[in-house]
Amino acid sequence: MQRIDVLYFAWVRERIGLPRERVETDAATVAGLVAELAEREERYALAFADLTSLRVALDQELADFGASLEGVREVAFFPPMTGG
């Protein structure tokens, strides 16, 4: 079991209703953490329903959903960035 700070940005934060929280997880990967969060309640399930519309960063480094959580202190979820 490890404690990880989870940050939510943009519409992810709006759907979940929190900007951040500290979670205890047994998950080995980002995908495992997402599965745990989605099982909590409907607002999490809705936020994580379509992973193709989400990006993730581990300790402020872009990662993918298969990435290991070993040693990670912070996970951030946000929509893809657009810009010009």
PDB file of N, CA and C in Angstrom:
ATOM      1  N   MET A   1       0.854  -1.184   0.000  1.00  0.00           N
ATOM      2  CA  MET A   1       0.000   0.000   0.000  1.00  0.00           C
ATOM      3  C   MET A   1       0.893   1.238   0.000  1.00  0.00           C
ATOM      4  N   GLN A   2       0.573   2.178  -0.890  1.00  0.00           N
ATOM      5  CA  GLN A   2       1.320   3.426  -0.903  1.00  0.00           C
ATOM      6  C   GLN A   2       0.359   4.605  -0.983  1.00  0.00           C
ATOM      7  N   ARG A   3       0.820   5.734  -0.517  1.00  0.00           N
ATOM      8  CA  ARG A   3       0.037   6.967  -0.586  1.00  0.00           C
ATOM      9  C   ARG A   3       0.547   7.807  -1.739  1.00  0.00           C
ATOM     10  N   ILE A   4      -0.397   8.290  -2.535  1.00  0.00           N
ATOM     11  CA  ILE A   4      -0.062   9.093  -3.708  1.00  0.00           C
ATOM     12  C   ILE A   4      -0.976  10.309  -3.733  1.00  0.00           C
ATOM     13  N   ASP A   5      -0.405  11.463  -4.035  1.00  0.00           N
ATOM     14  CA  ASP A   5      -1.224  12.654  -4.271  1.00  0.00           C
ATOM     15  C   ASP A   5      -1.746  12.578  -5.699  1.00  0.00           C
ATOM     16  N   VAL A   6      -3.057  12.710  -5.855  1.00  0.00           N
ATOM     17  CA  VAL A   6      -3.678  12.666  -7.173  1.00  0.00           C
ATOM     18  C   VAL A   6      -4.255  14.040  -7.460  1.00  0.00           C
ATOM     19  N   LEU A   7      -3.859  14.618  -8.596  1.00  0.00           N
ATOM     20  CA  LEU A   7      -4.314  15.940  -9.000  1.00  0.00           C
ATOM     21  C   LEU A   7      -5.228  15.802 -10.209  1.00  0.00           C
ATOM     22  N   TYR A   8      -6.283  16.614 -10.232  1.00  0.00           N
ATOM     23  CA  TYR A   8      -7.247  16.604 -11.336  1.00  0.00           C
ATOM     24  C   TYR A   8      -7.312  18.007 -11.925  1.00  0.00           C
ATOM     25  N   PHE A   9      -7.287  18.089 -13.254  1.00  0.00           N
ATOM     26  CA  PHE A   9      -7.317  19.386 -13.931  1.00  0.00           C
ATOM     27  C   PHE A   9      -8.466  19.462 -14.927  1.00  0.00           C
ATOM     28  N   ALA A  10      -8.907  20.695 -15.181  1.00  0.00           N
ATOM     29  CA  ALA A  10      -9.922  21.021 -16.189  1.00  0.00           C
ATOM     30  C   ALA A  10     -11.215  20.241 -15.932  1.00  0.00           C
ATOM     31  N   TRP A  11     -11.778  19.625 -16.978  1.00  0.00           N
ATOM     32  CA  TRP A  11     -13.073  18.945 -16.809  1.00  0.00           C
ATOM     33  C   TRP A  11     -12.982  17.719 -15.908  1.00  0.00           C
ATOM     34  N   VAL A  12     -11.794  17.155 -15.744  1.00  0.00           N
ATOM     35  CA  VAL A  12     -11.640  16.017 -14.823  1.00  0.00           C
ATOM     36  C   VAL A  12     -11.944  16.503 -13.398  1.00  0.00           C
ATOM     37  N   ARG A  13     -11.387  17.644 -13.034  1.00  0.00           N
ATOM     38  CA  ARG A  13     -11.645  18.233 -11.720  1.00  0.00           C
ATOM     39  C   ARG A  13     -13.130  18.569 -11.567  1.00  0.00           C
ATOM     40  N   GLU A  14     -13.738  19.097 -12.610  1.00  0.00           N
ATOM     41  CA  GLU A  14     -15.163  19.448 -12.548  1.00  0.00           C
ATOM     42  C   GLU A  14     -16.028  18.214 -12.314  1.00  0.00           C
ATOM     43  N   ARG A  15     -15.739  17.119 -12.988  1.00  0.00           N
ATOM     44  CA  ARG A  15     -16.548  15.903 -12.835  1.00  0.00           C
ATOM     45  C   ARG A  15     -16.365  15.262 -11.460  1.00  0.00           C
ATOM     46  N   ILE A  16     -15.135  15.257 -10.972  1.00  0.00           N
ATOM     47  CA  ILE A  16     -14.869  14.622  -9.683  1.00  0.00           C
ATOM     48  C   ILE A  16     -15.222  15.556  -8.523  1.00  0.00           C
ATOM     49  N   GLY A  17     -15.056  16.846  -8.745  1.00  0.00           N
ATOM     50  CA  GLY A  17     -15.403  17.813  -7.714  1.00  0.00           C
ATOM     51  C   GLY A  17     -14.281  18.140  -6.744  1.00  0.00           C
ATOM     52  N   LEU A  18     -13.073  17.709  -7.075  1.00  0.00           N
ATOM     53  CA  LEU A  18     -11.901  17.964  -6.224  1.00  0.00           C
ATOM     54  C   LEU A  18     -10.717  18.358  -7.097  1.00  0.00           C
ATOM     55  N   PRO A  19      -9.883  19.287  -6.622  1.00  0.00           N
ATOM     56  CA  PRO A  19      -8.665  19.592  -7.376  1.00  0.00           C
ATOM     57  C   PRO A  19      -7.547  18.586  -7.105  1.00  0.00           C
ATOM     58  N   ARG A  20      -7.570  17.980  -5.894  1.00  0.00           N
ATOM     59  CA  ARG A  20      -6.537  17.017  -5.521  1.00  0.00           C
ATOM     60  C   ARG A  20      -6.998  16.219  -4.320  1.00  0.00           C
ATOM     61  N   GLU A  21      -6.374  15.071  -4.142  1.00  0.00           N
ATOM     62  CA  GLU A  21      -6.620  14.257  -2.959  1.00  0.00           C
ATOM     63  C   GLU A  21      -5.445  13.313  -2.770  1.00  0.00           C
ATOM     64  N   ARG A  22      -5.289  12.840  -1.551  1.00  0.00           N
ATOM     65  CA  ARG A  22      -4.269  11.831  -1.261  1.00  0.00           C
ATOM     66  C   ARG A  22      -4.989  10.497  -1.175  1.00  0.00           C
ATOM     67  N   VAL A  23      -4.514   9.531  -1.939  1.00  0.00           N
ATOM     68  CA  VAL A  23      -5.156   8.221  -1.951  1.00  0.00           C
ATOM     69  C   VAL A  23      -4.167   7.154  -1.510  1.00  0.00           C
ATOM     70  N   GLU A  24      -4.703   6.110  -0.904  1.00  0.00           N
ATOM     71  CA  GLU A  24      -3.921   4.920  -0.591  1.00  0.00           C
ATOM     72  C   GLU A  24      -4.281   3.884  -1.635  1.00  0.00           C
ATOM     73  N   THR A  25      -3.274   3.297  -2.248  1.00  0.00           N
ATOM     74  CA  THR A  25      -3.526   2.373  -3.341  1.00  0.00           C
ATOM     75  C   THR A  25      -2.616   1.162  -3.275  1.00  0.00           C
ATOM     76  N   ASP A  26      -3.140   0.056  -3.760  1.00  0.00           N
ATOM     77  CA  ASP A  26      -2.350  -1.149  -3.970  1.00  0.00           C
ATOM     78  C   ASP A  26      -1.990  -1.305  -5.442  1.00  0.00           C
ATOM     79  N   ALA A  27      -2.440  -0.375  -6.268  1.00  0.00           N
ATOM     80  CA  ALA A  27      -2.243  -0.472  -7.716  1.00  0.00           C
ATOM     81  C   ALA A  27      -0.761  -0.425  -8.072  1.00  0.00           C
ATOM     82  N   ALA A  28      -0.386  -1.232  -9.049  1.00  0.00           N
ATOM     83  CA  ALA A  28       1.002  -1.258  -9.515  1.00  0.00           C
ATOM     84  C   ALA A  28       1.223  -0.306 -10.689  1.00  0.00           C
ATOM     85  N   THR A  29       0.141   0.013 -11.412  1.00  0.00           N
ATOM     86  CA  THR A  29       0.236   0.857 -12.607  1.00  0.00           C
ATOM     87  C   THR A  29      -0.802   1.966 -12.548  1.00  0.00           C
ATOM     88  N   VAL A  30      -0.648   2.934 -13.434  1.00  0.00           N
ATOM     89  CA  VAL A  30      -1.637   4.009 -13.550  1.00  0.00           C
ATOM     90  C   VAL A  30      -3.010   3.415 -13.875  1.00  0.00           C
ATOM     91  N   ALA A  31      -3.045   2.459 -14.788  1.00  0.00           N
ATOM     92  CA  ALA A  31      -4.322   1.835 -15.150  1.00  0.00           C
ATOM     93  C   ALA A  31      -4.985   1.192 -13.924  1.00  0.00           C
ATOM     94  N   GLY A  32      -4.201   0.572 -13.075  1.00  0.00           N
ATOM     95  CA  GLY A  32      -4.736  -0.015 -11.854  1.00  0.00           C
ATOM     96  C   GLY A  32      -5.300   1.042 -10.918  1.00  0.00           C
ATOM     97  N   LEU A  33      -4.617   2.177 -10.809  1.00  0.00           N
ATOM     98  CA  LEU A  33      -5.107   3.283  -9.992  1.00  0.00           C
ATOM     99  C   LEU A  33      -6.417   3.814 -10.558  1.00  0.00           C
ATOM    100  N   VAL A  34      -6.480   3.980 -11.868  1.00  0.00           N
ATOM    101  CA  VAL A  34      -7.705   4.452 -12.514  1.00  0.00           C
ATOM    102  C   VAL A  34      -8.863   3.498 -12.211  1.00  0.00           C
ATOM    103  N   ALA A  35      -8.601   2.199 -12.287  1.00  0.00           N
ATOM    104  CA  ALA A  35      -9.643   1.211 -12.003  1.00  0.00           C
ATOM    105  C   ALA A  35     -10.125   1.339 -10.560  1.00  0.00           C
ATOM    106  N   GLU A  36      -9.202   1.512  -9.626  1.00  0.00           N
ATOM    107  CA  GLU A  36      -9.588   1.698  -8.223  1.00  0.00           C
ATOM    108  C   GLU A  36     -10.433   2.949  -8.039  1.00  0.00           C
ATOM    109  N   LEU A  37      -9.999   4.043  -8.651  1.00  0.00           N
ATOM    110  CA  LEU A  37     -10.739   5.296  -8.516  1.00  0.00           C
ATOM    111  C   LEU A  37     -12.128   5.183  -9.144  1.00  0.00           C
ATOM    112  N   ALA A  38     -12.210   4.579 -10.323  1.00  0.00           N
ATOM    113  CA  ALA A  38     -13.485   4.465 -11.032  1.00  0.00           C
ATOM    114  C   ALA A  38     -14.499   3.635 -10.256  1.00  0.00           C
ATOM    115  N   GLU A  39     -14.013   2.722  -9.419  1.00  0.00           N
ATOM    116  CA  GLU A  39     -14.907   1.884  -8.618  1.00  0.00           C
ATOM    117  C   GLU A  39     -15.460   2.613  -7.402  1.00  0.00           C
ATOM    118  N   ARG A  40     -14.877   3.737  -7.042  1.00  0.00           N
ATOM    119  CA  ARG A  40     -15.298   4.466  -5.839  1.00  0.00           C
ATOM    120  C   ARG A  40     -16.764   4.895  -5.901  1.00  0.00           C
ATOM    121  N   GLU A  41     -17.093   5.630  -6.954  1.00  0.00           N
ATOM    122  CA  GLU A  41     -18.452   6.128  -7.123  1.00  0.00           C
ATOM    123  C   GLU A  41     -18.630   6.655  -8.542  1.00  0.00           C
ATOM    124  N   GLU A  42     -19.851   7.019  -8.880  1.00  0.00           N
ATOM    125  CA  GLU A  42     -20.187   7.355 -10.265  1.00  0.00           C
ATOM    126  C   GLU A  42     -19.399   8.537 -10.809  1.00  0.00           C
ATOM    127  N   ARG A  43     -19.160   9.549  -9.995  1.00  0.00           N
ATOM    128  CA  ARG A  43     -18.444  10.720 -10.520  1.00  0.00           C
ATOM    129  C   ARG A  43     -17.041  10.355 -11.000  1.00  0.00           C
ATOM    130  N   TYR A  44     -16.382   9.430 -10.312  1.00  0.00           N
ATOM    131  CA  TYR A  44     -15.064   8.955 -10.753  1.00  0.00           C
ATOM    132  C   TYR A  44     -15.212   8.101 -12.007  1.00  0.00           C
ATOM    133  N   ALA A  45     -16.209   7.239 -12.021  1.00  0.00           N
ATOM    134  CA  ALA A  45     -16.440   6.388 -13.189  1.00  0.00           C
ATOM    135  C   ALA A  45     -16.662   7.248 -14.431  1.00  0.00           C
ATOM    136  N   LEU A  46     -17.415   8.329 -14.301  1.00  0.00           N
ATOM    137  CA  LEU A  46     -17.654   9.222 -15.438  1.00  0.00           C
ATOM    138  C   LEU A  46     -16.378   9.927 -15.875  1.00  0.00           C
ATOM    139  N   ALA A  47     -15.586  10.363 -14.927  1.00  0.00           N
ATOM    140  CA  ALA A  47     -14.349  11.073 -15.261  1.00  0.00           C
ATOM    141  C   ALA A  47     -13.358  10.179 -15.995  1.00  0.00           C
ATOM    142  N   PHE A  48     -13.358   8.885 -15.655  1.00  0.00           N
ATOM    143  CA  PHE A  48     -12.382   7.965 -16.242  1.00  0.00           C
ATOM    144  C   PHE A  48     -12.999   7.025 -17.277  1.00  0.00           C
ATOM    145  N   ALA A  49     -14.185   7.350 -17.774  1.00  0.00           N
ATOM    146  CA  ALA A  49     -14.889   6.477 -18.720  1.00  0.00           C
ATOM    147  C   ALA A  49     -14.160   6.334 -20.054  1.00  0.00           C
ATOM    148  N   ASP A  50     -13.486   7.374 -20.501  1.00  0.00           N
ATOM    149  CA  ASP A  50     -12.820   7.356 -21.811  1.00  0.00           C
ATOM    150  C   ASP A  50     -11.370   7.789 -21.638  1.00  0.00           C
ATOM    151  N   LEU A  51     -10.485   6.829 -21.465  1.00  0.00           N
ATOM    152  CA  LEU A  51      -9.078   7.158 -21.225  1.00  0.00           C
ATOM    153  C   LEU A  51      -8.394   7.768 -22.437  1.00  0.00           C
ATOM    154  N   THR A  52      -8.975   7.619 -23.627  1.00  0.00           N
ATOM    155  CA  THR A  52      -8.374   8.245 -24.805  1.00  0.00           C
ATOM    156  C   THR A  52      -8.480   9.766 -24.737  1.00  0.00           C
ATOM    157  N   SER A  53      -9.357  10.270 -23.866  1.00  0.00           N
ATOM    158  CA  SER A  53      -9.504  11.717 -23.732  1.00  0.00           C
ATOM    159  C   SER A  53      -8.742  12.258 -22.512  1.00  0.00           C
ATOM    160  N   LEU A  54      -7.852  11.435 -21.964  1.00  0.00           N
ATOM    161  CA  LEU A  54      -7.068  11.840 -20.795  1.00  0.00           C
ATOM    162  C   LEU A  54      -5.576  11.664 -21.028  1.00  0.00           C
ATOM    163  N   ARG A  55      -4.820  12.497 -20.358  1.00  0.00           N
ATOM    164  CA  ARG A  55      -3.373  12.344 -20.288  1.00  0.00           C
ATOM    165  C   ARG A  55      -3.012  12.204 -18.816  1.00  0.00           C
ATOM    166  N   VAL A  56      -1.830  11.663 -18.566  1.00  0.00           N
ATOM    167  CA  VAL A  56      -1.378  11.466 -17.190  1.00  0.00           C
ATOM    168  C   VAL A  56       0.084  11.875 -17.075  1.00  0.00           C
ATOM    169  N   ALA A  57       0.417  12.445 -15.921  1.00  0.00           N
ATOM    170  CA  ALA A  57       1.811  12.766 -15.607  1.00  0.00           C
ATOM    171  C   ALA A  57       2.128  12.165 -14.242  1.00  0.00           C
ATOM    172  N   LEU A  58       3.310  11.576 -14.153  1.00  0.00           N
ATOM    173  CA  LEU A  58       3.805  11.006 -12.898  1.00  0.00           C
ATOM    174  C   LEU A  58       4.960  11.870 -12.419  1.00  0.00           C
ATOM    175  N   ASP A  59       4.805  12.462 -11.248  1.00  0.00           N
ATOM    176  CA  ASP A  59       5.815  13.380 -10.723  1.00  0.00           C
ATOM    177  C   ASP A  59       6.217  14.406 -11.783  1.00  0.00           C
ATOM    178  N   GLN A  60       5.212  14.947 -12.459  1.00  0.00           N
ATOM    179  CA  GLN A  60       5.329  16.024 -13.456  1.00  0.00           C
ATOM    180  C   GLN A  60       6.035  15.603 -14.740  1.00  0.00           C
ATOM    181  N   GLU A  61       6.049  14.293 -15.016  1.00  0.00           N
ATOM    182  CA  GLU A  61       6.591  13.781 -16.281  1.00  0.00           C
ATOM    183  C   GLU A  61       5.482  13.037 -17.000  1.00  0.00           C
ATOM    184  N   LEU A  62       5.251  13.363 -18.273  1.00  0.00           N
ATOM    185  CA  LEU A  62       4.216  12.666 -19.034  1.00  0.00           C
ATOM    186  C   LEU A  62       4.477  11.166 -19.040  1.00  0.00           C
ATOM    187  N   ALA A  63       3.415  10.404 -18.921  1.00  0.00           N
ATOM    188  CA  ALA A  63       3.527   8.951 -18.876  1.00  0.00           C
ATOM    189  C   ALA A  63       2.319   8.348 -19.577  1.00  0.00           C
ATOM    190  N   ASP A  64       2.281   7.016 -19.626  1.00  0.00           N
ATOM    191  CA  ASP A  64       1.107   6.350 -20.185  1.00  0.00           C
ATOM    192  C   ASP A  64       0.432   5.542 -19.088  1.00  0.00           C
ATOM    193  N   PHE A  65      -0.734   5.009 -19.398  1.00  0.00           N
ATOM    194  CA  PHE A  65      -1.534   4.342 -18.390  1.00  0.00           C
ATOM    195  C   PHE A  65      -0.961   2.994 -17.960  1.00  0.00           C
ATOM    196  N   GLY A  66       0.001   2.480 -18.682  1.00  0.00           N
ATOM    197  CA  GLY A  66       0.667   1.245 -18.295  1.00  0.00           C
ATOM    198  C   GLY A  66       1.877   1.471 -17.405  1.00  0.00           C
ATOM    199  N   ALA A  67       2.201   2.732 -17.134  1.00  0.00           N
ATOM    200  CA  ALA A  67       3.401   3.065 -16.357  1.00  0.00           C
ATOM    201  C   ALA A  67       3.291   2.596 -14.906  1.00  0.00           C
ATOM    202  N   SER A  68       4.417   2.207 -14.366  1.00  0.00           N
ATOM    203  CA  SER A  68       4.506   1.751 -12.971  1.00  0.00           C
ATOM    204  C   SER A  68       4.336   2.921 -12.006  1.00  0.00           C
ATOM    205  N   LEU A  69       3.705   2.634 -10.868  1.00  0.00           N
ATOM    206  CA  LEU A  69       3.565   3.630  -9.806  1.00  0.00           C
ATOM    207  C   LEU A  69       4.648   3.499  -8.737  1.00  0.00           C
ATOM    208  N   GLU A  70       5.577   2.593  -8.937  1.00  0.00           N
ATOM    209  CA  GLU A  70       6.623   2.378  -7.943  1.00  0.00           C
ATOM    210  C   GLU A  70       7.417   3.664  -7.716  1.00  0.00           C
ATOM    211  N   GLY A  71       7.439   4.126  -6.479  1.00  0.00           N
ATOM    212  CA  GLY A  71       8.190   5.326  -6.129  1.00  0.00           C
ATOM    213  C   GLY A  71       7.536   6.637  -6.517  1.00  0.00           C
ATOM    214  N   VAL A  72       6.362   6.593  -7.123  1.00  0.00           N
ATOM    215  CA  VAL A  72       5.682   7.805  -7.581  1.00  0.00           C
ATOM    216  C   VAL A  72       5.011   8.489  -6.400  1.00  0.00           C
ATOM    217  N   ARG A  73       5.153   9.809  -6.325  1.00  0.00           N
ATOM    218  CA  ARG A  73       4.528  10.576  -5.251  1.00  0.00           C
ATOM    219  C   ARG A  73       3.294  11.338  -5.719  1.00  0.00           C
ATOM    220  N   GLU A  74       3.253  11.674  -7.026  1.00  0.00           N
ATOM    221  CA  GLU A  74       2.154  12.494  -7.537  1.00  0.00           C
ATOM    222  C   GLU A  74       1.711  12.011  -8.911  1.00  0.00           C
ATOM    223  N   VAL A  75       0.395  11.874  -9.063  1.00  0.00           N
ATOM    224  CA  VAL A  75      -0.209  11.517 -10.349  1.00  0.00           C
ATOM    225  C   VAL A  75      -1.163  12.632 -10.724  1.00  0.00           C
ATOM    226  N   ALA A  76      -1.056  13.146 -11.936  1.00  0.00           N
ATOM    227  CA  ALA A  76      -1.951  14.206 -12.403  1.00  0.00           C
ATOM    228  C   ALA A  76      -2.702  13.732 -13.636  1.00  0.00           C
ATOM    229  N   PHE A  77      -4.010  13.968 -13.647  1.00  0.00           N
ATOM    230  CA  PHE A  77      -4.861  13.637 -14.795  1.00  0.00           C
ATOM    231  C   PHE A  77      -5.382  14.923 -15.410  1.00  0.00           C
ATOM    232  N   PHE A  78      -5.315  15.014 -16.739  1.00  0.00           N
ATOM    233  CA  PHE A  78      -5.746  16.217 -17.430  1.00  0.00           C
ATOM    234  C   PHE A  78      -6.094  15.873 -18.879  1.00  0.00           C
ATOM    235  N   PRO A  79      -6.904  16.734 -19.531  1.00  0.00           N
ATOM    236  CA  PRO A  79      -7.212  16.494 -20.936  1.00  0.00           C
ATOM    237  C   PRO A  79      -6.012  16.858 -21.798  1.00  0.00           C
ATOM    238  N   PRO A  80      -6.001  16.355 -23.039  1.00  0.00           N
ATOM    239  CA  PRO A  80      -4.900  16.708 -23.953  1.00  0.00           C
ATOM    240  C   PRO A  80      -4.825  18.210 -24.128  1.00  0.00           C
ATOM    241  N   MET A  81      -3.631  18.706 -24.245  1.00  0.00           N
ATOM    242  CA  MET A  81      -3.442  20.141 -24.428  1.00  0.00           C
ATOM    243  C   MET A  81      -3.544  20.497 -25.907  1.00  0.00           C
ATOM    244  N   THR A  82      -4.191  21.602 -26.160  1.00  0.00           N
ATOM    245  CA  THR A  82      -4.215  22.145 -27.516  1.00  0.00           C
ATOM    246  C   THR A  82      -3.631  23.548 -27.422  1.00  0.00           C
ATOM    247  N   GLY A  83      -3.209  24.060 -28.515  1.00  0.00           N
ATOM    248  CA  GLY A  83      -2.667  25.413 -28.439  1.00  0.00           C
ATOM    249  C   GLY A  83      -2.078  25.842 -29.756  1.00  0.00           C
ATOM    250  N   GLY A  84      -1.594  27.001 -29.738  1.00  0.00           N
ATOM    251  CA  GLY A  84      -1.010  27.538 -30.961  1.00  0.00           C
ATOM    252  C   GLY A  84      -0.055  28.632 -30.642  1.00  0.00           C
TER     253      GLY A  84
END
